[in-house]
């Protein structure tokens, strides 16, 4: 068409070509090469363009990275308090309250005993939406039972002196228990009605992981429960025979990230694959997310997982996936006006990859990826946005970072 136009009207063709080159140059300036340069573990093909290795982006706002503390003890989760301080869990069984300057002002002890082997311990924490008046805290942890270990969810009231949690109650246990120390999950997010979404891991073992597909088991799921641990009425499987009514979605492997998109109100999840196949998913009621039947990863041995299927009718595709892995842990949406170009972006803590992932989201698709804090060589376990609009991150080694606008 352009050649024909050129033959008939050279001036029009020249204008068209100039526009094409201008657009091409604009696109190149707006989209950098993908940040991942290593070879993938598999030759699996994505289900749609942009599902993996999207073009890179770079934050233009000048940033200040501060190491504000390095004395935390194996932190696992971080929650922003109404007054701008942070509530942080530590894997061995304590919580602490830390200021935005990195000073630990309170240590909370006396919590239920946790199993600290492997990936177990004191895990996620979140505060009641009415925390300012009721001081209620919800958390989950690995618990020892006669049949093995499991994920337990508890609640209690922060004491007036902030040194302990009072009237502790275990409101839910993700059964079956299993004799293993891996992949408990887990994150806690409140819905707009004040109920809890909680992710549960499928416990890793080849002899149990198919339970992620079973509706009579609470592992490998997103569960939806009330503040007393009961199934939220009207769940997608409430009327399904032999199904647990608290199950909201299923087919998950090791979901260590969960966050509500403040723009759309949808629930987003990050999930470890095995060797490749880490995922970002939008969690919708009643949907199957595939594991261990559908995955973009391999067994750690290098063999296929099951039949080596990546797409299957009735199974949800990840919004985005990584191969090689980044080991995605906690996630958070940036919802501050302090750094406008970050507004609505999803940030992901990378463990084995040792960086923070920034994902630019448009129309529920990833359109750009950036790696932050790579030079720190830290395993980033959990993230939070502070009242000051800064991004805060804790690492497995006990460091606490603040990333802010200069």
Protein backbone atom coordinates (compact mmCIF):
# COMPACT_ATOMS: atom_id res chain seq x y z
CA UNK A 1 0.00 0.00 0.00
CA UNK A 2 2.80 2.41 0.86
CA UNK A 3 4.64 1.60 -2.43
CA UNK A 4 1.47 2.21 -4.42
CA UNK A 5 0.91 5.51 -2.63
CA UNK A 6 4.51 6.50 -3.34
CA UNK A 7 4.06 5.90 -7.06
CA UNK A 8 0.96 8.07 -7.11
CA UNK A 9 1.84 10.72 -4.55
CA UNK A 10 5.49 10.95 -3.41
CA UNK A 11 4.81 13.74 -0.93
CA UNK A 12 2.08 11.74 0.86
CA UNK A 13 4.33 8.68 0.98
CA UNK A 14 7.21 10.67 2.46
CA UNK A 15 4.91 11.98 5.16
CA UNK A 16 3.66 8.47 5.93
CA UNK A 17 7.18 7.10 6.15
CA UNK A 18 8.27 9.92 8.41
CA UNK A 19 5.34 9.15 10.71
CA UNK A 20 6.22 5.46 10.75
CA UNK A 21 9.84 6.18 11.67
CA UNK A 22 8.74 8.65 14.32
CA UNK A 23 6.40 6.10 15.88
CA UNK A 24 9.10 3.44 15.71
CA UNK A 25 11.56 5.74 17.45
CA UNK A 26 8.96 6.63 20.07
CA UNK A 27 8.26 2.93 20.72
CA UNK A 28 11.96 2.21 21.10
CA UNK A 29 12.39 5.02 23.57
CA UNK A 30 9.39 3.89 25.59
CA UNK A 31 10.24 0.17 25.64
CA UNK A 32 13.63 -1.20 26.61
CA UNK A 33 14.75 -4.79 26.02
CA UNK A 34 13.34 -7.35 28.47
CA UNK A 35 15.15 -7.30 31.81
CA UNK A 36 15.59 -11.08 31.73
CA UNK A 37 18.56 -12.11 29.59
CA UNK A 38 19.20 -15.65 30.84
CA UNK A 39 18.03 -18.69 28.90
CA UNK A 40 14.69 -20.17 29.94
CA UNK A 41 14.51 -23.64 31.47
CA UNK A 42 11.93 -24.71 28.91
CA UNK A 43 10.92 -24.09 25.33
CA UNK A 44 7.30 -23.65 26.36
CA UNK A 45 5.41 -21.00 24.43
CA UNK A 46 3.33 -18.36 26.20
CA UNK A 47 -0.42 -18.34 25.68
CA UNK A 48 -0.40 -14.71 24.53
CA UNK A 49 2.02 -11.96 23.64
CA UNK A 50 3.46 -10.19 26.67
CA UNK A 51 2.81 -13.04 29.10
CA UNK A 52 6.54 -13.28 29.83
CA UNK A 53 9.70 -11.27 29.14
CA UNK A 54 7.89 -8.04 28.48
CA UNK A 55 9.92 -4.98 27.52
CA UNK A 56 11.86 -3.26 30.24
CA UNK A 57 11.08 0.12 31.78
CA UNK A 58 13.14 2.46 33.94
CA UNK A 59 11.90 4.76 36.68
CA UNK A 60 12.56 8.37 35.72
CA UNK A 61 11.88 9.86 39.14
CA UNK A 62 15.17 10.28 41.08
CA UNK A 63 15.11 7.77 43.94
CA UNK A 64 16.80 7.56 47.31
CA UNK A 65 17.50 4.06 48.68
CA UNK A 66 18.13 3.91 52.43
CA UNK A 67 19.03 0.97 54.63
CA UNK A 68 17.13 2.06 57.73
CA UNK A 69 17.72 -1.06 59.85
CA UNK A 70 19.68 -4.28 59.74
CA UNK A 71 18.69 -5.77 63.09
CA UNK A 72 15.40 -7.52 62.26
CA UNK A 73 15.40 -11.27 62.90
CA UNK A 74 14.29 -13.17 59.81
CA UNK A 75 11.32 -10.89 58.98
CA UNK A 76 8.54 -12.44 56.94
CA UNK A 77 5.76 -9.87 56.65
CA UNK A 78 5.24 -6.14 57.00
CA UNK A 79 2.02 -4.24 57.57
CA UNK A 80 1.55 -0.47 57.62
CA UNK A 81 -0.11 0.85 60.77
CA UNK A 82 -2.48 3.86 60.73
CA UNK A 83 0.10 6.07 62.46
CA UNK A 84 2.79 5.37 59.87
CA UNK A 85 4.73 2.77 61.85
CA UNK A 86 5.03 -0.84 60.68
CA UNK A 87 4.05 -4.17 62.22
CA UNK A 88 6.56 -6.83 61.19
CA UNK A 89 6.52 -10.58 61.81
CA UNK A 90 9.74 -12.47 62.48
CA UNK A 91 9.92 -16.10 61.40
CA UNK A 92 11.02 -17.46 64.79
CA UNK A 93 7.79 -16.34 66.48
CA UNK A 94 7.76 -12.68 67.45
CA UNK A 95 6.34 -9.47 66.02
CA UNK A 96 7.81 -6.00 66.31
CA UNK A 97 6.65 -2.46 65.77
CA UNK A 98 9.13 -0.38 63.80
CA UNK A 99 9.08 3.31 62.96
CA UNK A 100 9.47 4.70 59.45
CA UNK A 101 13.02 5.61 60.48
CA UNK A 102 13.79 1.94 61.14
CA UNK A 103 13.77 2.00 64.96
CA UNK A 104 12.22 -1.01 66.69
CA UNK A 105 10.08 0.45 69.47
CA UNK A 106 8.14 -2.63 70.58
CA UNK A 107 8.67 -6.40 70.51
CA UNK A 108 5.56 -8.55 70.85
CA UNK A 109 6.03 -11.98 72.41
CA UNK A 110 3.80 -14.69 73.86
CA UNK A 111 2.32 -15.80 70.55
CA UNK A 112 1.35 -19.43 69.88
CA UNK A 113 4.28 -21.75 69.24
CA UNK A 114 5.40 -21.96 65.63
CA UNK A 115 7.26 -24.65 63.71
CA UNK A 116 10.35 -22.93 62.36
CA UNK A 117 11.72 -25.79 60.25
CA UNK A 118 12.10 -25.22 56.52
CA UNK A 119 9.67 -22.61 55.25
CA UNK A 120 7.62 -22.67 58.42
CA UNK A 121 7.42 -20.07 61.15
CA UNK A 122 5.45 -16.96 61.96
CA UNK A 123 4.28 -15.83 58.54
CA UNK A 124 1.87 -13.12 57.43
CA UNK A 125 0.15 -10.42 59.47
CA UNK A 126 -2.57 -7.90 58.72
CA UNK A 127 -4.61 -5.51 60.81
CA UNK A 128 -8.37 -5.27 61.02
CA UNK A 129 -9.80 -2.52 58.77
CA UNK A 130 -11.08 -0.96 62.03
CA UNK A 131 -7.73 -1.37 63.79
CA UNK A 132 -7.61 2.29 64.84
CA UNK A 133 -10.50 1.62 67.20
CA UNK A 134 -10.49 -2.16 67.84
CA UNK A 135 -6.70 -2.95 67.76
CA UNK A 136 -7.36 -6.38 66.26
CA UNK A 137 -4.54 -8.23 64.49
CA UNK A 138 -4.72 -11.32 62.28
CA UNK A 139 -1.77 -13.54 61.45
CA UNK A 140 -0.90 -17.03 60.26
CA UNK A 141 1.83 -19.49 61.14
CA UNK A 142 2.94 -23.10 60.83
CA UNK A 143 1.55 -25.23 63.64
CA UNK A 144 2.49 -28.71 64.84
CA UNK A 145 -0.35 -31.21 65.18
CA UNK A 146 -0.50 -34.96 65.75
CA UNK A 147 -0.82 -35.56 62.01
CA UNK A 148 1.95 -33.21 60.95
CA UNK A 149 2.20 -29.49 60.34
CA UNK A 150 -0.39 -27.11 58.93
CA UNK A 151 -1.14 -23.43 58.43
CA UNK A 152 -3.11 -21.90 61.29
CA UNK A 153 -4.79 -18.47 61.26
CA UNK A 154 -5.15 -16.58 64.53
CA UNK A 155 -6.43 -13.26 65.81
CA UNK A 156 -6.10 -11.17 68.93
CA UNK A 157 -6.10 -7.64 70.32
CA UNK A 158 -2.94 -5.59 70.65
CA UNK A 159 -2.52 -4.61 74.30
CA UNK A 160 -2.55 -0.97 75.36
CA UNK A 161 1.22 -1.00 75.93
CA UNK A 162 1.77 -2.81 72.57
CA UNK A 163 3.86 -5.55 74.23
CA UNK A 164 1.51 -8.49 73.70
CA UNK A 165 -1.60 -9.72 71.92
CA UNK A 166 -4.55 -10.48 74.15
CA UNK A 167 -7.40 -13.03 73.85
CA UNK A 168 -5.68 -15.00 71.11
CA UNK A 169 -7.95 -17.33 69.14
CA UNK A 170 -7.09 -19.71 66.31
CA UNK A 171 -9.92 -19.18 63.86
CA UNK A 172 -8.95 -21.56 61.04
CA UNK A 173 -6.62 -24.45 60.21
CA UNK A 174 -5.79 -25.41 56.63
CA UNK A 175 -6.10 -29.18 56.65
CA UNK A 176 -5.02 -31.82 55.92
CA UNK A 177 -1.87 -31.66 58.02
CA UNK A 178 1.28 -33.02 56.39
CA UNK A 179 4.62 -34.29 57.63
CA UNK A 180 6.71 -31.70 55.83
CA UNK A 181 8.20 -28.25 56.30
CA UNK A 182 7.61 -26.58 52.93
CA UNK A 183 5.09 -24.31 51.18
CA UNK A 184 2.59 -23.23 53.79
CA UNK A 185 1.63 -20.07 51.84
CA UNK A 186 0.59 -17.55 52.97
CA UNK A 187 -0.80 -14.02 52.86
CA UNK A 188 -3.85 -12.38 54.40
CA UNK A 189 -5.88 -9.64 52.69
CA UNK A 190 -9.19 -8.12 53.79
CA UNK A 191 -12.02 -7.69 51.33
CA UNK A 192 -14.21 -4.57 51.29
CA UNK A 193 -16.65 -6.22 53.72
CA UNK A 194 -13.95 -7.01 56.27
CA UNK A 195 -13.67 -10.73 55.51
CA UNK A 196 -10.33 -12.46 54.99
CA UNK A 197 -8.75 -13.87 51.86
CA UNK A 198 -5.89 -16.22 52.76
CA UNK A 199 -3.54 -18.13 50.46
CA UNK A 200 -2.47 -21.64 51.39
CA UNK A 201 0.44 -23.60 49.93
CA UNK A 202 0.13 -27.16 48.66
CA UNK A 203 2.97 -28.39 50.93
CA UNK A 204 5.33 -29.44 48.11
CA UNK A 205 5.35 -33.22 48.50
CA UNK A 206 4.64 -35.30 45.37
CA UNK A 207 2.32 -37.41 47.51
CA UNK A 208 0.09 -34.48 48.47
CA UNK A 209 0.35 -31.73 45.89
CA UNK A 210 -2.59 -33.04 43.82
CA UNK A 211 -4.71 -31.89 46.77
CA UNK A 212 -4.34 -28.43 45.24
CA UNK A 213 -6.94 -29.65 42.72
CA UNK A 214 -9.18 -31.25 45.35
CA UNK A 215 -12.14 -29.27 46.65
CA UNK A 216 -12.24 -31.29 49.88
CA UNK A 217 -8.82 -29.99 50.98
CA UNK A 218 -7.80 -26.50 52.09
CA UNK A 219 -4.24 -26.59 50.72
CA UNK A 220 -3.18 -25.02 47.43
CA UNK A 221 -6.08 -22.60 47.66
CA UNK A 222 -7.32 -19.10 48.26
CA UNK A 223 -9.81 -19.38 51.08
CA UNK A 224 -12.42 -16.77 51.99
CA UNK A 225 -13.43 -16.68 55.64
CA UNK A 226 -15.08 -14.34 58.12
CA UNK A 227 -13.28 -12.85 61.11
CA UNK A 228 -14.46 -15.86 63.11
CA UNK A 229 -13.06 -18.34 60.60
CA UNK A 230 -16.35 -19.38 59.04
CA UNK A 231 -16.86 -19.65 55.26
CA UNK A 232 -18.07 -16.38 53.76
CA UNK A 233 -21.67 -17.10 52.68
CA UNK A 234 -22.36 -17.54 48.98
CA UNK A 235 -18.90 -18.78 48.02
CA UNK A 236 -18.38 -20.35 44.59
CA UNK A 237 -18.43 -23.89 46.02
CA UNK A 238 -21.04 -23.37 48.74
CA UNK A 239 -23.46 -25.71 46.96
CA UNK A 240 -20.92 -28.17 45.53
CA UNK A 241 -21.16 -31.64 47.15
CA UNK A 242 -18.10 -32.59 49.24
CA UNK A 243 -16.44 -29.23 48.59
CA UNK A 244 -15.23 -26.93 51.32
CA UNK A 245 -17.43 -23.83 51.17
CA UNK A 246 -14.56 -21.53 52.19
CA UNK A 247 -12.61 -22.28 48.99
CA UNK A 248 -12.55 -19.25 46.72
CA UNK A 249 -10.02 -20.45 44.10
CA UNK A 250 -7.79 -23.49 43.70
CA UNK A 251 -4.85 -25.03 41.87
CA UNK A 252 -2.09 -22.99 43.55
CA UNK A 253 1.43 -24.12 44.38
CA UNK A 254 3.25 -21.77 46.74
CA UNK A 255 1.36 -18.46 46.91
CA UNK A 256 3.43 -16.04 49.00
CA UNK A 257 1.94 -12.84 47.64
CA UNK A 258 -1.58 -11.43 47.73
CA UNK A 259 -2.83 -7.87 47.20
CA UNK A 260 -5.99 -6.04 46.24
CA UNK A 261 -5.68 -3.85 43.16
CA UNK A 262 -6.88 -0.45 44.45
CA UNK A 263 -7.99 0.62 40.97
CA UNK A 264 -10.07 -2.41 39.95
CA UNK A 265 -10.77 -4.03 43.32
CA UNK A 266 -9.51 -7.36 41.99
CA UNK A 267 -7.35 -9.78 43.94
CA UNK A 268 -3.82 -10.39 42.60
CA UNK A 269 -1.52 -13.21 43.65
CA UNK A 270 2.15 -14.14 43.22
CA UNK A 271 3.17 -17.77 43.16
CA UNK A 272 6.38 -19.79 43.08
CA UNK A 273 6.72 -22.22 40.24
CA UNK A 274 9.16 -25.12 40.54
CA UNK A 275 12.04 -24.76 38.05
CA UNK A 276 10.57 -21.89 36.05
CA UNK A 277 6.93 -20.94 35.92
CA UNK A 278 6.66 -18.32 38.67
CA UNK A 279 3.30 -16.62 38.18
CA UNK A 280 1.26 -13.48 38.70
CA UNK A 281 -2.47 -14.25 38.70
CA UNK A 282 -5.74 -12.39 39.05
CA UNK A 283 -7.76 -14.49 41.47
CA UNK A 284 -11.41 -14.85 40.55
CA UNK A 285 -14.09 -16.86 42.37
CA UNK A 286 -14.35 -20.54 41.54
CA UNK A 287 -11.44 -20.55 39.10
CA UNK A 288 -8.77 -23.24 38.71
CA UNK A 289 -5.17 -22.01 38.39
CA UNK A 290 -3.82 -25.33 37.22
CA UNK A 291 -1.15 -26.63 39.57
CA UNK A 292 0.11 -29.36 39.31
CA UNK A 293 -1.64 -30.20 36.04
CA UNK A 294 -0.82 -26.99 34.17
CA UNK A 295 2.45 -25.09 34.64
CA UNK A 296 5.16 -23.23 32.74
CA UNK A 297 7.82 -24.83 34.96
CA UNK A 298 9.70 -28.11 35.25
CA UNK A 299 10.39 -30.42 38.15
CA UNK A 300 13.63 -29.52 39.94
CA UNK A 301 15.07 -32.66 38.33
CA UNK A 302 14.47 -31.14 34.90
CA UNK A 303 11.64 -33.53 34.07
CA UNK A 304 8.22 -32.37 32.98
CA UNK A 305 5.60 -31.72 35.64
CA UNK A 306 2.90 -34.29 34.92
CA UNK A 307 2.15 -34.30 31.20
CA UNK A 308 3.96 -31.03 30.60
CA UNK A 309 0.78 -29.04 29.87
CA UNK A 310 0.79 -25.22 29.75
CA UNK A 311 -2.72 -24.48 28.53
CA UNK A 312 -5.93 -26.36 29.20
CA UNK A 313 -9.58 -25.53 28.82
CA UNK A 314 -11.12 -24.44 32.10
CA UNK A 315 -7.77 -23.46 33.62
CA UNK A 316 -6.82 -19.81 34.14
CA UNK A 317 -3.69 -18.48 32.50
CA UNK A 318 -1.29 -16.38 34.56
CA UNK A 319 -1.29 -12.68 33.75
CA UNK A 320 2.50 -12.97 33.71
CA UNK A 321 5.15 -15.62 34.34
CA UNK A 322 8.91 -15.90 34.72
CA UNK A 323 11.37 -18.50 33.50
CA UNK A 324 13.98 -18.57 35.05
CA UNK A 325 12.36 -17.90 38.40
CA UNK A 326 12.46 -14.74 40.48
CA UNK A 327 10.94 -16.55 43.51
CA UNK A 328 8.13 -14.02 44.08
CA UNK A 329 7.21 -13.41 47.71
CA UNK A 330 5.21 -10.46 49.05
CA UNK A 331 3.52 -8.07 46.63
CA UNK A 332 2.03 -4.60 46.94
CA UNK A 333 0.31 -2.12 44.63
CA UNK A 334 1.69 1.40 44.74
CA UNK A 335 -1.24 3.68 45.46
CA UNK A 336 0.40 6.97 46.40
CA UNK A 337 0.72 10.21 44.46
CA UNK A 338 4.28 10.85 45.67
CA UNK A 339 5.82 8.99 42.73
CA UNK A 340 3.18 9.45 40.01
CA UNK A 341 4.78 7.11 37.45
CA UNK A 342 4.50 4.27 39.97
CA UNK A 343 0.76 4.78 40.58
CA UNK A 344 -1.03 1.46 40.01
CA UNK A 345 2.21 -0.48 39.51
CA UNK A 346 2.66 -3.86 41.17
CA UNK A 347 5.84 -4.43 43.19
CA UNK A 348 7.06 -7.96 43.88
CA UNK A 349 9.71 -9.10 46.35
CA UNK A 350 12.20 -11.41 44.65
CA UNK A 351 13.99 -14.00 46.77
CA UNK A 352 16.39 -16.07 44.66
CA UNK A 353 16.54 -13.26 42.09
CA UNK A 354 17.60 -10.81 44.81
CA UNK A 355 15.76 -7.75 43.55
CA UNK A 356 12.40 -6.00 43.72
CA UNK A 357 10.29 -6.37 40.59
CA UNK A 358 8.28 -3.41 39.33
CA UNK A 359 5.47 -4.36 36.95
CA UNK A 360 3.60 -1.70 35.00
CA UNK A 361 -0.04 -2.78 34.62
CA UNK A 362 -2.50 -1.57 32.00
CA UNK A 363 -5.91 -3.16 31.42
CA UNK A 364 -4.91 -6.14 33.60
CA UNK A 365 -1.83 -6.85 31.50
CA UNK A 366 1.84 -6.37 32.27
CA UNK A 367 3.30 -3.81 29.85
CA UNK A 368 6.70 -3.18 31.44
CA UNK A 369 9.13 -4.67 33.96
CA UNK A 370 11.94 -3.15 36.00
CA UNK A 371 14.43 -4.54 38.50
CA UNK A 372 15.15 -2.43 41.57
CA UNK A 373 17.81 -2.75 44.31
CA UNK A 374 19.75 -5.45 42.47
CA UNK A 375 23.03 -4.15 43.85
CA UNK A 376 21.92 -4.93 47.43
CA UNK A 377 22.12 -8.73 46.85
CA UNK A 378 19.27 -9.37 49.26
CA UNK A 379 16.33 -11.78 49.33
CA UNK A 380 13.34 -9.41 49.41
CA UNK A 381 10.63 -11.12 51.45
CA UNK A 382 7.87 -8.53 51.88
CA UNK A 383 6.92 -5.01 50.78
CA UNK A 384 4.70 -2.19 51.98
CA UNK A 385 3.86 1.36 50.93
CA UNK A 386 4.31 3.80 53.78
CA UNK A 387 2.11 6.72 54.73
CA UNK A 388 4.88 8.91 53.29
CA UNK A 389 4.57 7.37 49.82
CA UNK A 390 7.87 5.48 50.08
CA UNK A 391 8.25 1.80 49.28
CA UNK A 392 9.49 -0.25 52.23
CA UNK A 393 11.02 -3.73 52.01
CA UNK A 394 12.29 -6.35 54.45
CA UNK A 395 14.81 -9.04 53.58
CA UNK A 396 15.52 -12.53 54.86
CA UNK A 397 18.82 -11.32 56.32
CA UNK A 398 17.00 -8.84 58.57
CA UNK A 399 17.46 -5.63 56.61
CA UNK A 400 14.81 -2.94 56.26
CA UNK A 401 14.92 -0.64 53.21
CA UNK A 402 13.17 2.58 52.30
CA UNK A 403 12.91 3.57 48.62
CA UNK A 404 11.69 7.13 48.28
CA UNK A 405 11.60 10.08 45.96
CA UNK A 406 14.70 12.24 46.34
